[in-house]
């Protein structure tokens, strides 16, 4: 992967804050021509640095009022296919993010559901029955103070 120069970084900085910037406005912000910006954006997309353009929706608008973090510890020796188990979790719409982590647990899932009853149902019907689960812990978020913030980009 070729290194990012300051113009690439300025473009990434600007687009993270407003992905709907029109090319002329972006070019003005980063002191490049619109055609130079366009070529750079295309290269950043082709190399996978820009991984997509997403729409963020307020979960409460969809009556999704509970965000929980589920910590899972697994015993791979008691799982037929750890990859399949993880794939099952990743395929669920309730699971927004999933990370493998260091420490006392193997995975952290971010789950968004309508209410505590739906969270309980998800845990009892989807997570708990999975073979090889050694430990499950969950924490419910009280408030969202910052979600999906931009990555630090230093020009």
Protein backbone atom coordinates (compact mmCIF):
# COMPACT_ATOMS: atom_id res chain seq x y z
CA UNK A 1 0.00 0.00 0.00
CA UNK A 2 1.48 3.32 -1.01
CA UNK A 3 1.75 5.91 1.75
CA UNK A 4 -0.84 8.65 2.07
CA UNK A 5 0.33 12.17 1.40
CA UNK A 6 -1.11 15.26 3.04
CA UNK A 7 -3.72 15.76 0.30
CA UNK A 8 -4.99 12.18 0.72
CA UNK A 9 -5.20 12.79 4.46
CA UNK A 10 -7.05 16.08 4.02
CA UNK A 11 -9.52 14.36 1.68
CA UNK A 12 -10.08 11.56 4.22
CA UNK A 13 -10.46 14.09 7.03
CA UNK A 14 -13.05 16.10 5.08
CA UNK A 15 -15.03 13.11 3.77
CA UNK A 16 -15.27 11.48 7.21
CA UNK A 17 -16.97 14.58 8.48
CA UNK A 18 -19.26 14.99 5.47
CA UNK A 19 -19.31 12.16 2.93
CA UNK A 20 -21.87 14.08 0.89
CA UNK A 21 -19.48 16.90 0.01
CA UNK A 22 -19.74 17.70 -3.67
CA UNK A 23 -16.45 17.39 -5.51
CA UNK A 24 -16.06 21.14 -6.07
CA UNK A 25 -16.46 21.87 -2.35
CA UNK A 26 -14.06 19.10 -1.39
CA UNK A 27 -11.49 20.34 -3.92
CA UNK A 28 -11.74 23.83 -2.48
CA UNK A 29 -11.27 22.53 1.09
CA UNK A 30 -8.11 20.59 0.22
CA UNK A 31 -6.64 22.99 -2.37
CA UNK A 32 -6.76 20.61 -5.33
CA UNK A 33 -8.68 20.64 -8.60
CA UNK A 34 -11.89 18.61 -8.75
CA UNK A 35 -10.27 16.20 -11.25
CA UNK A 36 -7.29 15.63 -8.92
CA UNK A 37 -9.69 15.01 -6.01
CA UNK A 38 -11.71 12.59 -8.10
CA UNK A 39 -8.61 10.58 -9.09
CA UNK A 40 -7.40 10.48 -5.50
CA UNK A 41 -10.79 9.34 -4.19
CA UNK A 42 -10.95 6.61 -6.85
CA UNK A 43 -7.46 5.41 -5.83
CA UNK A 44 -8.37 5.48 -2.13
CA UNK A 45 -11.44 3.36 -2.94
CA UNK A 46 -9.53 0.94 -5.18
CA UNK A 47 -6.85 0.35 -2.54
CA UNK A 48 -9.48 -0.25 0.15
CA UNK A 49 -8.55 2.75 2.27
CA UNK A 50 -12.04 4.12 1.68
CA UNK A 51 -14.12 1.06 2.47
CA UNK A 52 -17.51 2.39 1.50
CA UNK A 53 -20.07 5.07 2.05
CA UNK A 54 -22.66 4.41 4.72
CA UNK A 55 -25.91 5.86 5.94
CA UNK A 56 -26.23 6.32 9.70
CA UNK A 57 -29.72 6.00 11.10
CA UNK A 58 -30.92 7.01 14.55
CA UNK A 59 -31.73 3.62 16.15
CA UNK A 60 -34.61 5.13 18.13
CA UNK A 61 -36.33 6.07 14.86
CA UNK A 62 -36.60 2.30 14.30
CA UNK A 63 -37.68 1.66 17.92
CA UNK A 64 -34.27 0.20 18.72
CA UNK A 65 -33.70 1.59 22.19
CA UNK A 66 -31.20 -0.80 23.79
CA UNK A 67 -27.52 -1.01 22.95
CA UNK A 68 -25.65 -3.79 24.71
CA UNK A 69 -22.14 -5.14 24.70
CA UNK A 70 -21.88 -8.90 24.97
CA UNK A 71 -18.59 -10.41 26.08
CA UNK A 72 -18.05 -14.03 25.02
CA UNK A 73 -15.45 -16.53 26.09
CA UNK A 74 -15.27 -19.70 24.06
CA UNK A 75 -13.72 -23.10 24.49
CA UNK A 76 -12.59 -24.00 20.96
CA UNK A 77 -12.08 -27.61 22.04
CA UNK A 78 -15.84 -27.92 22.50
CA UNK A 79 -16.78 -26.34 19.19
CA UNK A 80 -17.18 -28.27 15.97
CA UNK A 81 -16.45 -25.15 13.91
CA UNK A 82 -15.52 -21.87 15.64
CA UNK A 83 -15.67 -20.10 12.25
CA UNK A 84 -19.26 -21.26 11.70
CA UNK A 85 -20.27 -20.16 15.19
CA UNK A 86 -18.86 -16.70 14.62
CA UNK A 87 -20.42 -16.55 11.15
CA UNK A 88 -23.81 -17.28 12.73
CA UNK A 89 -23.41 -14.34 15.08
CA UNK A 90 -22.15 -12.03 12.34
CA UNK A 91 -25.15 -12.85 10.18
CA UNK A 92 -27.60 -11.59 12.80
CA UNK A 93 -29.02 -8.10 12.24
CA UNK A 94 -28.89 -7.42 15.98
CA UNK A 95 -25.08 -7.63 15.89
CA UNK A 96 -23.76 -4.25 14.79
CA UNK A 97 -20.04 -4.80 15.56
CA UNK A 98 -17.92 -7.78 16.57
CA UNK A 99 -14.33 -7.77 17.73
CA UNK A 100 -11.86 -10.41 18.83
CA UNK A 101 -10.13 -9.06 21.92
CA UNK A 102 -7.40 -9.72 24.42
CA UNK A 103 -8.11 -10.20 28.09
CA UNK A 104 -10.74 -12.26 29.86
CA UNK A 105 -12.99 -12.69 26.83
CA UNK A 106 -12.52 -13.73 23.22
CA UNK A 107 -15.18 -11.58 21.55
CA UNK A 108 -17.13 -8.40 22.17
CA UNK A 109 -20.39 -7.94 20.29
CA UNK A 110 -22.25 -4.67 20.01
CA UNK A 111 -25.93 -5.47 19.79
CA UNK A 112 -28.83 -3.07 19.17
CA UNK A 113 -32.36 -4.24 19.96
CA UNK A 114 -35.77 -2.82 20.80
CA UNK A 115 -35.83 -3.56 24.51
CA UNK A 116 -34.44 -5.69 27.32
CA UNK A 117 -36.88 -8.50 26.52
CA UNK A 118 -35.49 -8.73 22.99
CA UNK A 119 -31.94 -8.68 24.36
CA UNK A 120 -32.81 -11.50 26.74
CA UNK A 121 -34.39 -13.47 23.89
CA UNK A 122 -31.30 -12.94 21.69
CA UNK A 123 -29.01 -14.11 24.47
CA UNK A 124 -31.11 -17.15 25.38
CA UNK A 125 -31.99 -18.35 21.87
CA UNK A 126 -28.95 -17.34 19.81
CA UNK A 127 -25.90 -16.92 22.02
CA UNK A 128 -26.37 -19.32 24.93
CA UNK A 129 -27.18 -22.41 22.82
CA UNK A 130 -23.98 -22.06 20.80
CA UNK A 131 -21.64 -24.95 21.45
CA UNK A 132 -18.35 -24.09 23.10
CA UNK A 133 -19.51 -20.96 24.90
CA UNK A 134 -17.66 -20.89 28.21
CA UNK A 135 -18.84 -17.53 29.54
CA UNK A 136 -21.26 -14.77 28.56
CA UNK A 137 -21.37 -11.35 30.14
CA UNK A 138 -23.34 -8.36 28.97
CA UNK A 139 -23.51 -4.68 29.72
CA UNK A 140 -26.25 -2.32 28.61
CA UNK A 141 -25.30 1.19 27.52
CA UNK A 142 -27.09 3.90 29.44
CA UNK A 143 -26.39 6.75 26.99
CA UNK A 144 -24.57 7.15 23.70
CA UNK A 145 -22.11 10.00 24.01
CA UNK A 146 -20.20 9.45 20.76
CA UNK A 147 -20.92 6.86 18.10
CA UNK A 148 -19.11 6.26 14.83
CA UNK A 149 -16.80 9.20 15.21
CA UNK A 150 -14.21 9.92 12.55
CA UNK A 151 -10.76 8.37 12.75
CA UNK A 152 -7.91 10.68 13.65
CA UNK A 153 -6.32 11.82 10.42
CA UNK A 154 -3.24 14.01 10.70
CA UNK A 155 -2.31 15.82 7.49
